[in-house]
Amino acid sequence: MAATSSTPSEGPHLRTIAMPRDTNAAGAIFGGWTVSQMDLAGGTFAAQRTKGRVATVSIDAMRFLRPISVR
């Protein structure tokens, strides 16, 4: 049965697995790769919500509090 709601689903908008090529020499995921994945997920949500094309104009800041390791 198709959803009849006009709002996007509240579940994940992107699922991906970080691969070894997405890590630095210390085994942590590159911050740029992480921001790219966040942008893809946010863009998917925004495009569903607006029912059109969207673009990220800018982000003011991004702080990573600790490394993201690949397990």
C-alpha atoms as a PDB file:
ATOM      1  CA  MET A   1       0.000   0.000   0.000  1.00  0.00           C
ATOM      2  CA  ALA A   2       1.437   3.389  -0.951  1.00  0.00           C
ATOM      3  CA  ALA A   3       1.760   6.117   1.648  1.00  0.00           C
ATOM      4  CA  THR A   4      -0.768   8.906   1.226  1.00  0.00           C
ATOM      5  CA  SER A   5       1.026  11.446   3.399  1.00  0.00           C
ATOM      6  CA  SER A   6       2.358  14.562   1.679  1.00  0.00           C
ATOM      7  CA  THR A   7       5.437  14.636   3.935  1.00  0.00           C
ATOM      8  CA  PRO A   8       8.534  12.497   3.413  1.00  0.00           C
ATOM      9  CA  SER A   9       8.981   9.392   5.509  1.00  0.00           C
ATOM     10  CA  GLU A  10      10.772   9.896   8.801  1.00  0.00           C
ATOM     11  CA  GLY A  11      13.161   6.979   8.305  1.00  0.00           C
ATOM     12  CA  PRO A  12      16.694   7.089   6.943  1.00  0.00           C
ATOM     13  CA  HIS A  13      17.129   8.828   3.605  1.00  0.00           C
ATOM     14  CA  LEU A  14      20.488   7.274   2.855  1.00  0.00           C
ATOM     15  CA  ARG A  15      22.209   4.083   3.889  1.00  0.00           C
ATOM     16  CA  THR A  16      25.800   3.570   2.953  1.00  0.00           C
ATOM     17  CA  ILE A  17      28.809   1.689   4.222  1.00  0.00           C
ATOM     18  CA  ALA A  18      32.160   3.365   4.630  1.00  0.00           C
ATOM     19  CA  MET A  19      34.870   1.412   2.856  1.00  0.00           C
ATOM     20  CA  PRO A  20      38.613   1.372   3.539  1.00  0.00           C
ATOM     21  CA  ARG A  21      39.148   3.896   0.717  1.00  0.00           C
ATOM     22  CA  ASP A  22      37.010   6.349   2.722  1.00  0.00           C
ATOM     23  CA  THR A  23      39.454   6.332   5.647  1.00  0.00           C
ATOM     24  CA  ASN A  24      42.713   8.010   6.495  1.00  0.00           C
ATOM     25  CA  ALA A  25      45.929   6.298   7.612  1.00  0.00           C
ATOM     26  CA  ALA A  26      44.676   6.174  11.220  1.00  0.00           C
ATOM     27  CA  GLY A  27      41.557   4.238  10.172  1.00  0.00           C
ATOM     28  CA  ALA A  28      39.106   7.098  10.766  1.00  0.00           C
ATOM     29  CA  ILE A  29      36.612   8.141   8.104  1.00  0.00           C
ATOM     30  CA  PHE A  30      37.514  11.288   6.159  1.00  0.00           C
ATOM     31  CA  GLY A  31      35.450  14.242   7.372  1.00  0.00           C
ATOM     32  CA  GLY A  32      34.771  15.343   3.804  1.00  0.00           C
ATOM     33  CA  TRP A  33      33.286  11.944   2.979  1.00  0.00           C
ATOM     34  CA  THR A  34      31.037  12.172   6.027  1.00  0.00           C
ATOM     35  CA  VAL A  35      29.839  15.675   5.094  1.00  0.00           C
ATOM     36  CA  SER A  36      29.199  14.469   1.543  1.00  0.00           C
ATOM     37  CA  GLN A  37      26.979  11.646   2.836  1.00  0.00           C
ATOM     38  CA  MET A  38      25.114  14.095   5.077  1.00  0.00           C
ATOM     39  CA  ASP A  39      24.547  16.379   2.096  1.00  0.00           C
ATOM     40  CA  LEU A  40      23.206  13.513  -0.029  1.00  0.00           C
ATOM     41  CA  ALA A  41      20.775  12.493   2.729  1.00  0.00           C
ATOM     42  CA  GLY A  42      19.635  16.061   3.350  1.00  0.00           C
ATOM     43  CA  GLY A  43      19.220  16.678  -0.375  1.00  0.00           C
ATOM     44  CA  THR A  44      17.109  13.552  -0.736  1.00  0.00           C
ATOM     45  CA  PHE A  45      14.846  14.685   2.104  1.00  0.00           C
ATOM     46  CA  ALA A  46      14.576  18.233   0.739  1.00  0.00           C
ATOM     47  CA  ALA A  47      13.828  17.031  -2.811  1.00  0.00           C
ATOM     48  CA  GLN A  48      11.049  14.775  -1.518  1.00  0.00           C
ATOM     49  CA  ARG A  49       9.610  17.605   0.543  1.00  0.00           C
ATOM     50  CA  THR A  50       9.692  20.197  -2.247  1.00  0.00           C
ATOM     51  CA  LYS A  51       8.931  17.707  -5.026  1.00  0.00           C
ATOM     52  CA  GLY A  52      11.653  19.363  -7.064  1.00  0.00           C
ATOM     53  CA  ARG A  53      15.326  20.057  -7.451  1.00  0.00           C
ATOM     54  CA  VAL A  54      17.382  21.364  -4.558  1.00  0.00           C
ATOM     55  CA  ALA A  55      20.950  22.467  -3.956  1.00  0.00           C
ATOM     56  CA  THR A  56      23.106  23.041  -0.908  1.00  0.00           C
ATOM     57  CA  VAL A  57      24.161  26.664  -1.014  1.00  0.00           C
ATOM     58  CA  SER A  58      26.518  26.617   1.957  1.00  0.00           C
ATOM     59  CA  ILE A  59      27.182  25.342   5.430  1.00  0.00           C
ATOM     60  CA  ASP A  60      28.608  27.639   8.065  1.00  0.00           C
ATOM     61  CA  ALA A  61      30.514  25.078  10.101  1.00  0.00           C
ATOM     62  CA  MET A  62      30.962  21.416  10.873  1.00  0.00           C
ATOM     63  CA  ARG A  63      32.649  20.130  14.006  1.00  0.00           C
ATOM     64  CA  PHE A  64      33.611  16.524  14.513  1.00  0.00           C
ATOM     65  CA  LEU A  65      33.924  15.828  18.225  1.00  0.00           C
ATOM     66  CA  ARG A  66      35.832  12.563  17.785  1.00  0.00           C
ATOM     67  CA  PRO A  67      37.081  10.369  14.957  1.00  0.00           C
ATOM     68  CA  ILE A  68      34.593   8.040  13.278  1.00  0.00           C
ATOM     69  CA  SER A  69      36.221   4.643  13.023  1.00  0.00           C
ATOM     70  CA  VAL A  70      35.373   1.872  10.589  1.00  0.00           C
ATOM     71  CA  ARG A  71      34.601  -1.357  12.389  1.00  0.00           C
END
